[in-house]
Amino acid sequence: MKTLKFILGLLLIGCLLSLAPIGKPSYKFAVLKYSGGGDWYANPTSVPNLVKYCNKNLSMNIDTKVDEVQVGSPELFNYPFVHMTGHGNVVFSEDDVTNLRKYLMAGGFLHIDDNYGMDKFIRTEIKKVFPETELVELPFSHPIYKQKYKFPNGLPKIHEHDNKAAQGFAIIKEGRVLLFYSYETDLGDGWEDQDVHNDTPETRKKALQMGANLVQFALMNN
């Protein structure tokens, strides 16, 4: 029942945006809680700031209170957009794998942002969820880089890690992007409060614009 309600909610999202009473949020976002010891709670101001940016610049009506949701929880289906980050280990149980796969196949969207040190762990866990599908790097021509804000060279580089280029990977099923994995960029750091990382205004702007593209793409294409 939750899955059906979730799918119907996504199909009607345009109507919700236009008909929701002023001040009443149309939907909520969440940060994903996972096991394994990794700091899923990193960058606490990131998603709230991204939500505010989307509300202001994309005329969206997202609840400014961002929830936390467990990978294996049925509550996962309440959120059309879920963000995941961290620096270290990630472990999905069998129940987590089953629930996350159902959520993504039903129309949910997961953004995974490597906050440095997560890569070798998250790739293994993604493979558990989609053993039959490979993570693929999206070309710069992909619509995810052509929403309101244009990124002709792909993901912007927000923070330097290992002198590698920023890359955007995805799991695609039946032509639909189910999850987007941003690597070697640290978008979430760029969304945080100014006094946390003291990035330049231009760097923060690029990070928030790319994040807004992800939100716009997820809500309008899933």
N, C-alpha and C. Protein backbone atom coordinates (compact mmCIF):
# COMPACT_ATOMS: atom_id res chain seq x y z
N MET A 1 0.82 -1.21 0.00
CA MET A 1 0.00 0.00 0.00
C MET A 1 0.86 1.25 0.00
N LYS A 2 1.93 1.25 0.81
CA LYS A 2 2.81 2.40 0.84
C LYS A 2 3.44 2.64 -0.52
N THR A 3 3.82 1.53 -1.20
CA THR A 3 4.44 1.68 -2.52
C THR A 3 3.47 2.29 -3.50
N LEU A 4 2.21 1.83 -3.49
CA LEU A 4 1.20 2.37 -4.40
C LEU A 4 0.97 3.86 -4.13
N LYS A 5 0.83 4.22 -2.85
CA LYS A 5 0.62 5.62 -2.51
C LYS A 5 1.80 6.47 -2.96
N PHE A 6 3.00 5.92 -2.82
CA PHE A 6 4.21 6.65 -3.20
C PHE A 6 4.24 6.91 -4.71
N ILE A 7 3.91 5.88 -5.50
CA ILE A 7 3.91 6.03 -6.95
C ILE A 7 2.88 7.06 -7.38
N LEU A 8 1.68 6.99 -6.80
CA LEU A 8 0.64 7.94 -7.14
C LEU A 8 1.06 9.36 -6.77
N GLY A 9 1.76 9.46 -5.64
CA GLY A 9 2.23 10.78 -5.22
C GLY A 9 3.20 11.38 -6.22
N LEU A 10 4.09 10.56 -6.76
CA LEU A 10 5.04 11.05 -7.75
C LEU A 10 4.35 11.44 -9.05
N LEU A 11 3.33 10.67 -9.45
CA LEU A 11 2.62 10.99 -10.68
C LEU A 11 1.87 12.30 -10.57
N LEU A 12 1.45 12.63 -9.36
CA LEU A 12 0.64 13.84 -9.16
C LEU A 12 1.45 15.01 -8.64
N ILE A 13 2.78 14.90 -8.68
CA ILE A 13 3.61 15.91 -8.03
C ILE A 13 3.41 17.31 -8.61
N GLY A 14 3.19 17.37 -9.92
CA GLY A 14 2.96 18.67 -10.53
C GLY A 14 1.71 19.33 -9.99
N CYS A 15 0.66 18.52 -9.81
CA CYS A 15 -0.58 19.06 -9.26
C CYS A 15 -0.41 19.50 -7.83
N LEU A 16 0.35 18.74 -7.07
CA LEU A 16 0.57 19.10 -5.68
C LEU A 16 1.28 20.43 -5.56
N LEU A 17 2.25 20.64 -6.44
CA LEU A 17 3.01 21.89 -6.41
C LEU A 17 2.10 23.09 -6.67
N SER A 18 1.14 22.94 -7.56
CA SER A 18 0.30 24.07 -7.94
C SER A 18 -0.90 24.26 -7.03
N LEU A 19 -1.37 23.14 -6.40
CA LEU A 19 -2.59 23.23 -5.62
C LEU A 19 -2.38 23.32 -4.12
N ALA A 20 -1.16 23.03 -3.64
CA ALA A 20 -0.92 23.04 -2.20
C ALA A 20 -1.14 24.43 -1.63
N PRO A 21 -1.81 24.55 -0.49
CA PRO A 21 -2.01 25.85 0.12
C PRO A 21 -0.69 26.51 0.42
N ILE A 22 -0.67 27.82 0.32
CA ILE A 22 0.56 28.56 0.59
C ILE A 22 1.04 28.24 2.00
N GLY A 23 2.32 27.92 2.11
CA GLY A 23 2.90 27.64 3.42
C GLY A 23 2.83 26.18 3.80
N LYS A 24 2.02 25.38 3.11
CA LYS A 24 1.91 23.96 3.42
C LYS A 24 2.79 23.17 2.46
N PRO A 25 3.84 22.52 2.96
CA PRO A 25 4.78 21.80 2.07
C PRO A 25 4.09 20.69 1.30
N SER A 26 4.54 20.50 0.06
CA SER A 26 4.00 19.44 -0.78
C SER A 26 4.60 18.09 -0.44
N TYR A 27 5.86 18.07 0.01
CA TYR A 27 6.55 16.82 0.30
C TYR A 27 7.79 17.11 1.13
N LYS A 28 8.44 16.03 1.58
CA LYS A 28 9.62 16.15 2.43
C LYS A 28 10.77 15.35 1.84
N PHE A 29 11.99 15.74 2.22
CA PHE A 29 13.19 14.99 1.87
C PHE A 29 13.75 14.36 3.15
N ALA A 30 14.68 13.43 2.97
CA ALA A 30 15.28 12.76 4.12
C ALA A 30 16.75 12.44 3.85
N VAL A 31 17.48 12.28 4.95
CA VAL A 31 18.87 11.80 4.92
C VAL A 31 18.84 10.33 5.32
N LEU A 32 19.59 9.51 4.62
CA LEU A 32 19.56 8.07 4.83
C LEU A 32 20.48 7.65 5.97
N LYS A 33 19.91 6.89 6.92
CA LYS A 33 20.69 6.32 8.02
C LYS A 33 21.06 4.88 7.67
N TYR A 34 22.33 4.54 7.86
CA TYR A 34 22.79 3.20 7.51
C TYR A 34 23.73 2.68 8.59
N SER A 35 23.99 1.37 8.56
CA SER A 35 24.87 0.73 9.52
C SER A 35 26.28 0.62 8.95
N GLY A 36 27.22 0.16 9.81
CA GLY A 36 28.58 -0.07 9.37
C GLY A 36 29.59 0.85 10.01
N GLY A 37 29.13 1.88 10.70
CA GLY A 37 30.06 2.79 11.37
C GLY A 37 30.34 4.07 10.64
N GLY A 38 29.91 4.17 9.39
CA GLY A 38 30.11 5.41 8.64
C GLY A 38 29.27 6.54 9.19
N ASP A 39 29.75 7.77 9.02
CA ASP A 39 29.05 8.92 9.60
C ASP A 39 27.97 9.44 8.65
N TRP A 40 26.84 8.74 8.65
CA TRP A 40 25.71 9.11 7.79
C TRP A 40 25.20 10.51 8.12
N TYR A 41 25.49 10.97 9.32
CA TYR A 41 24.99 12.25 9.84
C TYR A 41 25.90 13.43 9.47
N ALA A 42 26.94 13.18 8.67
CA ALA A 42 27.85 14.27 8.28
C ALA A 42 27.09 15.36 7.53
N ASN A 43 27.61 16.57 7.57
CA ASN A 43 27.03 17.71 6.84
C ASN A 43 25.57 17.96 7.22
N PRO A 44 25.28 18.22 8.49
CA PRO A 44 23.88 18.36 8.92
C PRO A 44 23.14 19.55 8.32
N THR A 45 23.86 20.58 7.87
CA THR A 45 23.16 21.73 7.29
C THR A 45 22.99 21.62 5.78
N SER A 46 23.54 20.58 5.18
CA SER A 46 23.57 20.47 3.72
C SER A 46 22.18 20.42 3.08
N VAL A 47 21.43 19.39 3.39
CA VAL A 47 20.14 19.20 2.72
C VAL A 47 19.14 20.29 3.09
N PRO A 48 19.08 20.73 4.36
CA PRO A 48 18.20 21.86 4.65
C PRO A 48 18.52 23.10 3.81
N ASN A 49 19.80 23.37 3.61
CA ASN A 49 20.18 24.52 2.77
C ASN A 49 19.80 24.30 1.32
N LEU A 50 19.96 23.06 0.84
CA LEU A 50 19.56 22.76 -0.53
C LEU A 50 18.06 22.92 -0.71
N VAL A 51 17.29 22.48 0.26
CA VAL A 51 15.84 22.63 0.20
C VAL A 51 15.45 24.11 0.11
N LYS A 52 16.07 24.93 0.94
CA LYS A 52 15.77 26.37 0.90
C LYS A 52 16.13 26.96 -0.45
N TYR A 53 17.24 26.51 -1.01
CA TYR A 53 17.66 27.02 -2.32
C TYR A 53 16.66 26.63 -3.40
N CYS A 54 16.20 25.38 -3.35
CA CYS A 54 15.23 24.92 -4.35
C CYS A 54 13.90 25.65 -4.20
N ASN A 55 13.46 25.86 -2.97
CA ASN A 55 12.22 26.58 -2.76
C ASN A 55 12.29 28.00 -3.32
N LYS A 56 13.44 28.64 -3.12
CA LYS A 56 13.60 30.02 -3.56
C LYS A 56 13.83 30.14 -5.06
N ASN A 57 14.66 29.27 -5.61
CA ASN A 57 15.10 29.45 -7.00
C ASN A 57 14.37 28.57 -8.02
N LEU A 58 13.70 27.52 -7.54
CA LEU A 58 12.95 26.66 -8.44
C LEU A 58 11.45 26.73 -8.15
N SER A 59 11.07 27.64 -7.26
CA SER A 59 9.65 27.81 -6.88
C SER A 59 9.04 26.50 -6.40
N MET A 60 9.81 25.74 -5.64
CA MET A 60 9.31 24.49 -5.08
C MET A 60 8.71 24.73 -3.71
N ASN A 61 8.07 23.70 -3.19
CA ASN A 61 7.38 23.82 -1.90
C ASN A 61 7.74 22.62 -1.03
N ILE A 62 9.02 22.49 -0.74
CA ILE A 62 9.55 21.37 0.03
C ILE A 62 9.60 21.76 1.51
N ASP A 63 9.25 20.83 2.37
CA ASP A 63 9.32 21.07 3.82
C ASP A 63 10.76 21.36 4.19
N THR A 64 11.00 22.45 4.92
CA THR A 64 12.36 22.82 5.30
C THR A 64 12.91 21.94 6.43
N LYS A 65 12.06 21.16 7.06
CA LYS A 65 12.53 20.21 8.05
C LYS A 65 12.86 18.90 7.34
N VAL A 66 14.13 18.54 7.33
CA VAL A 66 14.59 17.33 6.66
C VAL A 66 14.62 16.18 7.66
N ASP A 67 14.02 15.06 7.30
CA ASP A 67 13.95 13.91 8.19
C ASP A 67 15.17 13.01 8.06
N GLU A 68 15.25 12.04 8.95
CA GLU A 68 16.24 10.97 8.88
C GLU A 68 15.46 9.67 8.74
N VAL A 69 15.92 8.78 7.85
CA VAL A 69 15.18 7.54 7.63
C VAL A 69 16.15 6.37 7.48
N GLN A 70 15.81 5.27 8.13
CA GLN A 70 16.61 4.05 8.04
C GLN A 70 16.43 3.39 6.68
N VAL A 71 17.51 2.77 6.18
CA VAL A 71 17.46 2.12 4.87
C VAL A 71 16.34 1.09 4.80
N GLY A 72 16.18 0.33 5.86
CA GLY A 72 15.21 -0.76 5.83
C GLY A 72 13.82 -0.40 6.31
N SER A 73 13.58 0.87 6.58
CA SER A 73 12.29 1.28 7.12
C SER A 73 11.24 1.45 6.04
N PRO A 74 9.98 1.06 6.32
CA PRO A 74 8.90 1.32 5.36
C PRO A 74 8.65 2.81 5.17
N GLU A 75 9.12 3.62 6.10
CA GLU A 75 8.96 5.07 5.99
C GLU A 75 9.76 5.64 4.81
N LEU A 76 10.71 4.87 4.30
CA LEU A 76 11.51 5.32 3.17
C LEU A 76 10.62 5.75 2.00
N PHE A 77 9.48 5.07 1.85
CA PHE A 77 8.59 5.33 0.72
C PHE A 77 7.84 6.66 0.83
N ASN A 78 8.02 7.35 1.94
CA ASN A 78 7.37 8.65 2.11
C ASN A 78 8.15 9.79 1.47
N TYR A 79 9.36 9.50 0.99
CA TYR A 79 10.24 10.57 0.51
C TYR A 79 10.60 10.37 -0.96
N PRO A 80 10.31 11.33 -1.82
CA PRO A 80 10.66 11.20 -3.24
C PRO A 80 12.15 11.39 -3.51
N PHE A 81 12.85 12.04 -2.56
CA PHE A 81 14.28 12.33 -2.74
C PHE A 81 14.98 12.06 -1.41
N VAL A 82 15.98 11.17 -1.44
CA VAL A 82 16.73 10.83 -0.23
C VAL A 82 18.22 11.04 -0.51
N HIS A 83 18.90 11.64 0.45
CA HIS A 83 20.32 11.96 0.31
C HIS A 83 21.13 11.08 1.26
N MET A 84 22.27 10.61 0.77
CA MET A 84 23.15 9.74 1.56
C MET A 84 24.58 10.25 1.46
N THR A 85 25.27 10.34 2.60
CA THR A 85 26.66 10.79 2.57
C THR A 85 27.45 10.10 3.67
N GLY A 86 28.73 10.43 3.77
CA GLY A 86 29.59 9.85 4.80
C GLY A 86 31.02 9.74 4.33
N HIS A 87 31.90 9.38 5.28
CA HIS A 87 33.34 9.27 4.99
C HIS A 87 33.83 7.82 5.04
N GLY A 88 33.02 6.92 5.58
CA GLY A 88 33.57 5.59 5.84
C GLY A 88 32.67 4.44 5.48
N ASN A 89 32.65 3.43 6.35
CA ASN A 89 32.03 2.15 6.05
C ASN A 89 30.51 2.24 5.94
N VAL A 90 29.98 1.44 5.04
CA VAL A 90 28.54 1.32 4.82
C VAL A 90 28.20 -0.16 4.75
N VAL A 91 27.17 -0.57 5.49
CA VAL A 91 26.73 -1.97 5.44
C VAL A 91 25.22 -2.01 5.31
N PHE A 92 24.74 -2.65 4.25
CA PHE A 92 23.31 -2.88 4.07
C PHE A 92 22.99 -4.33 4.43
N SER A 93 22.02 -4.52 5.31
CA SER A 93 21.55 -5.87 5.62
C SER A 93 20.68 -6.39 4.48
N GLU A 94 20.28 -7.65 4.56
CA GLU A 94 19.41 -8.21 3.52
C GLU A 94 18.09 -7.44 3.45
N ASP A 95 17.56 -7.09 4.62
CA ASP A 95 16.31 -6.33 4.65
C ASP A 95 16.51 -4.94 4.05
N ASP A 96 17.66 -4.33 4.35
CA ASP A 96 17.98 -3.02 3.77
C ASP A 96 18.01 -3.09 2.24
N VAL A 97 18.69 -4.12 1.74
CA VAL A 97 18.83 -4.30 0.30
C VAL A 97 17.46 -4.44 -0.37
N THR A 98 16.63 -5.29 0.21
CA THR A 98 15.29 -5.53 -0.35
C THR A 98 14.46 -4.25 -0.34
N ASN A 99 14.48 -3.55 0.78
CA ASN A 99 13.66 -2.34 0.92
C ASN A 99 14.14 -1.22 -0.01
N LEU A 100 15.46 -1.04 -0.07
CA LEU A 100 16.00 0.03 -0.91
C LEU A 100 15.73 -0.26 -2.38
N ARG A 101 15.86 -1.49 -2.79
CA ARG A 101 15.59 -1.84 -4.19
C ARG A 101 14.12 -1.56 -4.54
N LYS A 102 13.22 -1.99 -3.65
CA LYS A 102 11.80 -1.75 -3.90
C LYS A 102 11.50 -0.25 -4.00
N TYR A 103 12.10 0.51 -3.10
CA TYR A 103 11.89 1.97 -3.09
C TYR A 103 12.35 2.60 -4.40
N LEU A 104 13.53 2.24 -4.84
CA LEU A 104 14.07 2.83 -6.07
C LEU A 104 13.31 2.36 -7.30
N MET A 105 12.94 1.10 -7.35
CA MET A 105 12.19 0.59 -8.49
C MET A 105 10.78 1.17 -8.54
N ALA A 106 10.26 1.59 -7.38
CA ALA A 106 8.91 2.15 -7.32
C ALA A 106 8.85 3.62 -7.69
N GLY A 107 10.01 4.24 -7.92
CA GLY A 107 10.01 5.64 -8.32
C GLY A 107 10.79 6.56 -7.41
N GLY A 108 11.37 6.02 -6.34
CA GLY A 108 12.19 6.85 -5.44
C GLY A 108 13.52 7.20 -6.08
N PHE A 109 14.19 8.18 -5.49
CA PHE A 109 15.49 8.63 -6.02
C PHE A 109 16.46 8.77 -4.86
N LEU A 110 17.65 8.21 -5.02
CA LEU A 110 18.70 8.31 -4.00
C LEU A 110 19.89 9.05 -4.57
N HIS A 111 20.32 10.09 -3.86
CA HIS A 111 21.57 10.78 -4.20
C HIS A 111 22.61 10.37 -3.18
N ILE A 112 23.69 9.76 -3.64
CA ILE A 112 24.80 9.37 -2.78
C ILE A 112 25.95 10.32 -3.05
N ASP A 113 26.46 10.95 -2.00
CA ASP A 113 27.55 11.92 -2.14
C ASP A 113 28.74 11.47 -1.30
N ASP A 114 29.79 11.02 -1.96
CA ASP A 114 30.99 10.58 -1.26
C ASP A 114 31.67 11.79 -0.61
N ASN A 115 31.70 11.74 0.72
CA ASN A 115 32.30 12.84 1.48
C ASN A 115 33.78 12.58 1.74
N TYR A 116 34.33 11.65 0.99
CA TYR A 116 35.73 11.21 1.00
C TYR A 116 35.92 10.00 1.92
N GLY A 117 36.24 8.88 1.30
CA GLY A 117 36.47 7.65 2.05
C GLY A 117 35.34 6.66 1.97
N MET A 118 34.26 7.03 1.33
CA MET A 118 33.07 6.18 1.24
C MET A 118 33.08 5.26 0.01
N ASP A 119 33.85 5.62 -1.00
CA ASP A 119 33.73 5.01 -2.33
C ASP A 119 33.87 3.49 -2.32
N LYS A 120 34.90 2.97 -1.71
CA LYS A 120 35.14 1.52 -1.80
C LYS A 120 34.06 0.72 -1.07
N PHE A 121 33.39 1.36 -0.13
CA PHE A 121 32.33 0.67 0.61
C PHE A 121 30.99 0.77 -0.11
N ILE A 122 30.65 1.94 -0.58
CA ILE A 122 29.32 2.12 -1.18
C ILE A 122 29.18 1.36 -2.48
N ARG A 123 30.26 1.22 -3.24
CA ARG A 123 30.16 0.47 -4.49
C ARG A 123 29.78 -0.99 -4.24
N THR A 124 30.33 -1.56 -3.17
CA THR A 124 29.99 -2.94 -2.81
C THR A 124 28.53 -3.06 -2.41
N GLU A 125 28.04 -2.08 -1.65
CA GLU A 125 26.66 -2.15 -1.18
C GLU A 125 25.67 -1.89 -2.32
N ILE A 126 26.00 -0.99 -3.24
CA ILE A 126 25.14 -0.77 -4.40
C ILE A 126 25.02 -2.06 -5.21
N LYS A 127 26.12 -2.79 -5.30
CA LYS A 127 26.11 -4.05 -6.05
C LYS A 127 25.18 -5.07 -5.41
N LYS A 128 25.04 -5.02 -4.09
CA LYS A 128 24.09 -5.90 -3.42
C LYS A 128 22.65 -5.57 -3.85
N VAL A 129 22.39 -4.28 -3.99
CA VAL A 129 21.03 -3.82 -4.32
C VAL A 129 20.71 -4.12 -5.78
N PHE A 130 21.69 -3.91 -6.66
CA PHE A 130 21.49 -4.14 -8.10
C PHE A 130 22.63 -5.00 -8.65
N PRO A 131 22.62 -6.30 -8.32
CA PRO A 131 23.71 -7.18 -8.77
C PRO A 131 23.78 -7.33 -10.28
N GLU A 132 22.66 -7.09 -10.94
CA GLU A 132 22.60 -7.29 -12.39
C GLU A 132 22.91 -6.02 -13.19
N THR A 133 23.15 -4.92 -12.49
CA THR A 133 23.32 -3.63 -13.17
C THR A 133 24.59 -2.95 -12.70
N GLU A 134 25.35 -2.40 -13.63
CA GLU A 134 26.59 -1.71 -13.30
C GLU A 134 26.36 -0.21 -13.09
N LEU A 135 27.13 0.37 -12.19
CA LEU A 135 27.18 1.82 -12.10
C LEU A 135 27.83 2.34 -13.38
N VAL A 136 27.20 3.30 -14.02
CA VAL A 136 27.76 3.86 -15.24
C VAL A 136 27.97 5.37 -15.06
N GLU A 137 29.03 5.88 -15.65
CA GLU A 137 29.25 7.32 -15.61
C GLU A 137 28.35 7.99 -16.62
N LEU A 138 27.62 8.99 -16.19
CA LEU A 138 26.73 9.70 -17.10
C LEU A 138 27.52 10.65 -17.99
N PRO A 139 27.21 10.71 -19.27
CA PRO A 139 27.90 11.66 -20.15
C PRO A 139 27.50 13.09 -19.80
N PHE A 140 28.35 14.03 -20.16
CA PHE A 140 28.07 15.44 -19.86
C PHE A 140 26.81 15.93 -20.57
N SER A 141 26.39 15.20 -21.58
CA SER A 141 25.19 15.58 -22.33
C SER A 141 23.91 15.10 -21.66
N HIS A 142 24.02 14.39 -20.54
CA HIS A 142 22.83 13.84 -19.88
C HIS A 142 21.94 14.96 -19.35
N PRO A 143 20.62 14.77 -19.37
CA PRO A 143 19.69 15.81 -18.89
C PRO A 143 19.92 16.26 -17.45
N ILE A 144 20.55 15.42 -16.64
CA ILE A 144 20.78 15.80 -15.25
C ILE A 144 21.68 17.03 -15.15
N TYR A 145 22.49 17.25 -16.18
CA TYR A 145 23.37 18.41 -16.23
C TYR A 145 22.76 19.56 -17.04
N LYS A 146 21.49 19.37 -17.45
CA LYS A 146 20.84 20.36 -18.31
C LYS A 146 19.47 20.76 -17.78
N GLN A 147 19.32 20.79 -16.48
CA GLN A 147 18.07 21.24 -15.90
C GLN A 147 18.07 22.77 -15.92
N LYS A 148 17.61 23.42 -14.89
CA LYS A 148 17.61 24.89 -14.90
C LYS A 148 19.02 25.43 -15.05
N TYR A 149 19.97 24.75 -14.42
CA TYR A 149 21.36 25.21 -14.46
C TYR A 149 22.17 24.29 -15.37
N LYS A 150 22.99 24.88 -16.20
CA LYS A 150 23.72 24.13 -17.21
C LYS A 150 25.15 23.84 -16.75
N PHE A 151 25.53 22.57 -16.85
CA PHE A 151 26.88 22.13 -16.50
C PHE A 151 27.45 21.36 -17.68
N PRO A 152 27.94 22.06 -18.70
CA PRO A 152 28.41 21.40 -19.92
C PRO A 152 29.61 20.50 -19.70
N ASN A 153 30.31 20.67 -18.57
CA ASN A 153 31.47 19.84 -18.26
C ASN A 153 31.19 18.85 -17.12
N GLY A 154 29.92 18.58 -16.89
CA GLY A 154 29.56 17.63 -15.85
C GLY A 154 29.63 18.22 -14.46
N LEU A 155 29.82 17.35 -13.48
CA LEU A 155 29.82 17.77 -12.08
C LEU A 155 30.87 18.84 -11.80
N PRO A 156 30.50 19.87 -11.04
CA PRO A 156 31.50 20.87 -10.63
C PRO A 156 32.39 20.28 -9.54
N LYS A 157 33.61 20.72 -9.50
CA LYS A 157 34.55 20.28 -8.47
C LYS A 157 34.42 21.22 -7.29
N ILE A 158 33.95 20.72 -6.16
CA ILE A 158 33.73 21.57 -4.99
C ILE A 158 34.91 21.50 -4.03
N HIS A 159 35.33 20.29 -3.66
CA HIS A 159 36.48 20.12 -2.78
C HIS A 159 37.48 19.13 -3.40
N GLU A 160 38.73 19.38 -3.18
CA GLU A 160 39.79 18.51 -3.71
C GLU A 160 40.05 17.36 -2.76
N HIS A 161 40.17 16.15 -3.32
CA HIS A 161 40.49 14.97 -2.53
C HIS A 161 41.80 14.37 -3.01
N ASP A 162 41.76 13.69 -4.12
CA ASP A 162 42.93 12.96 -4.61
C ASP A 162 43.37 13.41 -6.01
N ASN A 163 43.13 14.68 -6.30
CA ASN A 163 43.49 15.22 -7.62
C ASN A 163 42.85 14.45 -8.76
N LYS A 164 41.64 13.97 -8.52
CA LYS A 164 40.88 13.27 -9.55
C LYS A 164 39.73 14.16 -10.02
N ALA A 165 39.28 13.88 -11.23
CA ALA A 165 38.15 14.64 -11.77
C ALA A 165 36.86 14.23 -11.07
N ALA A 166 35.96 15.19 -10.91
CA ALA A 166 34.64 14.88 -10.37
C ALA A 166 33.89 14.01 -11.37
N GLN A 167 33.16 13.01 -10.86
CA GLN A 167 32.43 12.10 -11.74
C GLN A 167 31.02 11.85 -11.19
N GLY A 168 30.08 11.72 -12.10
CA GLY A 168 28.71 11.40 -11.71
C GLY A 168 28.31 10.05 -12.27
N PHE A 169 28.01 9.10 -11.38
CA PHE A 169 27.63 7.75 -11.78
C PHE A 169 26.15 7.52 -11.49
N ALA A 170 25.59 6.53 -12.16
CA ALA A 170 24.17 6.25 -11.96
C ALA A 170 23.87 4.77 -12.13
N ILE A 171 22.79 4.34 -11.50
CA ILE A 171 22.16 3.06 -11.80
C ILE A 171 20.95 3.38 -12.65
N ILE A 172 20.90 2.77 -13.83
CA ILE A 172 19.80 3.02 -14.75
C ILE A 172 19.06 1.71 -15.02
N LYS A 173 17.75 1.75 -14.83
CA LYS A 173 16.90 0.59 -15.11
C LYS A 173 15.75 1.04 -15.98
N GLU A 174 15.55 0.33 -17.08
CA GLU A 174 14.45 0.63 -18.00
C GLU A 174 14.48 2.09 -18.42
N GLY A 175 15.69 2.61 -18.61
CA GLY A 175 15.84 3.98 -19.06
C GLY A 175 15.71 5.04 -18.00
N ARG A 176 15.50 4.63 -16.75
CA ARG A 176 15.30 5.60 -15.67
C ARG A 176 16.48 5.60 -14.71
N VAL A 177 16.94 6.79 -14.34
CA VAL A 177 18.01 6.92 -13.34
C VAL A 177 17.40 6.72 -11.96
N LEU A 178 17.83 5.65 -11.28
CA LEU A 178 17.30 5.33 -9.95
C LEU A 178 18.11 5.99 -8.84
N LEU A 179 19.41 6.04 -9.05
CA LEU A 179 20.27 6.69 -8.07
C LEU A 179 21.40 7.40 -8.78
N PHE A 180 21.87 8.47 -8.17
CA PHE A 180 22.99 9.23 -8.71
C PHE A 180 24.07 9.28 -7.65
N TYR A 181 25.29 8.94 -8.05
CA TYR A 181 26.42 8.89 -7.12
C TYR A 181 27.45 9.93 -7.54
N SER A 182 27.61 10.96 -6.72
CA SER A 182 28.60 12.00 -7.01
C SER A 182 29.90 11.67 -6.29
N TYR A 183 30.98 11.61 -7.08
CA TYR A 183 32.29 11.15 -6.60
C TYR A 183 33.35 12.21 -6.87
N GLU A 184 34.23 12.40 -5.90
CA GLU A 184 35.35 13.35 -6.01
C GLU A 184 34.88 14.79 -6.24
N THR A 185 33.81 15.17 -5.58
CA THR A 185 33.34 16.54 -5.69
C THR A 185 32.91 17.13 -4.35
N ASP A 186 32.22 16.33 -3.51
CA ASP A 186 31.72 16.82 -2.22
C ASP A 186 30.67 17.91 -2.39
N LEU A 187 29.65 17.62 -3.15
CA LEU A 187 28.56 18.58 -3.30
C LEU A 187 27.99 19.00 -1.95
N GLY A 188 27.81 18.03 -1.06
CA GLY A 188 27.21 18.32 0.24
C GLY A 188 28.00 19.33 1.05
N ASP A 189 29.31 19.29 0.93
CA ASP A 189 30.13 20.29 1.63
C ASP A 189 29.82 21.69 1.12
N GLY A 190 29.57 21.78 -0.18
CA GLY A 190 29.25 23.07 -0.77
C GLY A 190 27.87 23.58 -0.40
N TRP A 191 27.00 22.66 0.05
CA TRP A 191 25.65 23.08 0.48
C TRP A 191 25.65 23.55 1.93
N GLU A 192 26.66 23.19 2.68
CA GLU A 192 26.67 23.50 4.11
C GLU A 192 26.72 25.01 4.37
N ASP A 193 26.44 25.38 5.62
CA ASP A 193 26.52 26.79 6.01
C ASP A 193 27.88 27.36 5.65
N GLN A 194 27.89 28.62 5.30
CA GLN A 194 29.11 29.29 4.85
C GLN A 194 30.25 29.15 5.86
N ASP A 195 29.94 29.24 7.15
CA ASP A 195 31.00 29.22 8.16
C ASP A 195 31.55 27.82 8.44
N VAL A 196 30.96 26.79 7.83
CA VAL A 196 31.44 25.43 8.06
C VAL A 196 32.70 25.15 7.24
N HIS A 197 32.67 25.48 5.96
CA HIS A 197 33.81 25.21 5.08
C HIS A 197 34.44 26.48 4.50
N ASN A 198 33.74 27.58 4.64
CA ASN A 198 34.26 28.87 4.16
C ASN A 198 34.63 28.82 2.68
N ASP A 199 33.78 28.15 1.90
CA ASP A 199 33.98 28.14 0.46
C ASP A 199 33.64 29.51 -0.13
N THR A 200 34.16 29.79 -1.30
CA THR A 200 33.84 31.06 -1.95
C THR A 200 32.36 31.05 -2.34
N PRO A 201 31.77 32.22 -2.48
CA PRO A 201 30.37 32.29 -2.92
C PRO A 201 30.14 31.59 -4.25
N GLU A 202 31.10 31.67 -5.15
CA GLU A 202 30.95 31.03 -6.44
C GLU A 202 30.96 29.50 -6.32
N THR A 203 31.81 28.97 -5.44
CA THR A 203 31.86 27.52 -5.22
C THR A 203 30.56 27.02 -4.63
N ARG A 204 30.05 27.73 -3.63
CA ARG A 204 28.78 27.35 -3.01
C ARG A 204 27.64 27.43 -4.02
N LYS A 205 27.67 28.45 -4.84
CA LYS A 205 26.64 28.62 -5.86
C LYS A 205 26.62 27.44 -6.82
N LYS A 206 27.79 27.01 -7.29
CA LYS A 206 27.87 25.89 -8.20
C LYS A 206 27.35 24.61 -7.54
N ALA A 207 27.72 24.40 -6.29
CA ALA A 207 27.28 23.20 -5.58
C ALA A 207 25.75 23.19 -5.42
N LEU A 208 25.19 24.32 -5.03
CA LEU A 208 23.74 24.40 -4.83
C LEU A 208 23.00 24.30 -6.15
N GLN A 209 23.54 24.87 -7.20
CA GLN A 209 22.89 24.77 -8.50
C GLN A 209 22.88 23.33 -9.00
N MET A 210 24.00 22.62 -8.81
CA MET A 210 24.03 21.22 -9.22
C MET A 210 23.07 20.40 -8.38
N GLY A 211 23.01 20.70 -7.09
CA GLY A 211 22.05 20.01 -6.23
C GLY A 211 20.62 20.29 -6.65
N ALA A 212 20.34 21.52 -7.04
CA ALA A 212 19.00 21.86 -7.51
C ALA A 212 18.67 21.10 -8.79
N ASN A 213 19.65 20.93 -9.65
CA ASN A 213 19.45 20.13 -10.86
C ASN A 213 19.05 18.69 -10.50
N LEU A 214 19.73 18.12 -9.50
CA LEU A 214 19.43 16.76 -9.09
C LEU A 214 17.99 16.66 -8.58
N VAL A 215 17.59 17.63 -7.76
CA VAL A 215 16.24 17.63 -7.23
C VAL A 215 15.21 17.77 -8.35
N GLN A 216 15.44 18.74 -9.23
CA GLN A 216 14.52 18.97 -10.33
C GLN A 216 14.40 17.73 -11.22
N PHE A 217 15.54 17.13 -11.55
CA PHE A 217 15.53 15.93 -12.38
C PHE A 217 14.79 14.79 -11.68
N ALA A 218 15.08 14.59 -10.40
CA ALA A 218 14.47 13.47 -9.66
C ALA A 218 12.95 13.61 -9.59
N LEU A 219 12.49 14.82 -9.30
CA LEU A 219 11.05 15.01 -9.11
C LEU A 219 10.26 15.01 -10.42
N MET A 220 10.89 15.44 -11.48
CA MET A 220 10.18 15.56 -12.75
C MET A 220 10.36 14.36 -13.68
N ASN A 221 11.31 13.48 -13.38
CA ASN A 221 11.59 12.37 -14.28
C ASN A 221 11.35 11.00 -13.66
N ASN A 222 11.08 10.95 -12.37
CA ASN A 222 10.88 9.65 -11.72
C ASN A 222 9.42 9.43 -11.35
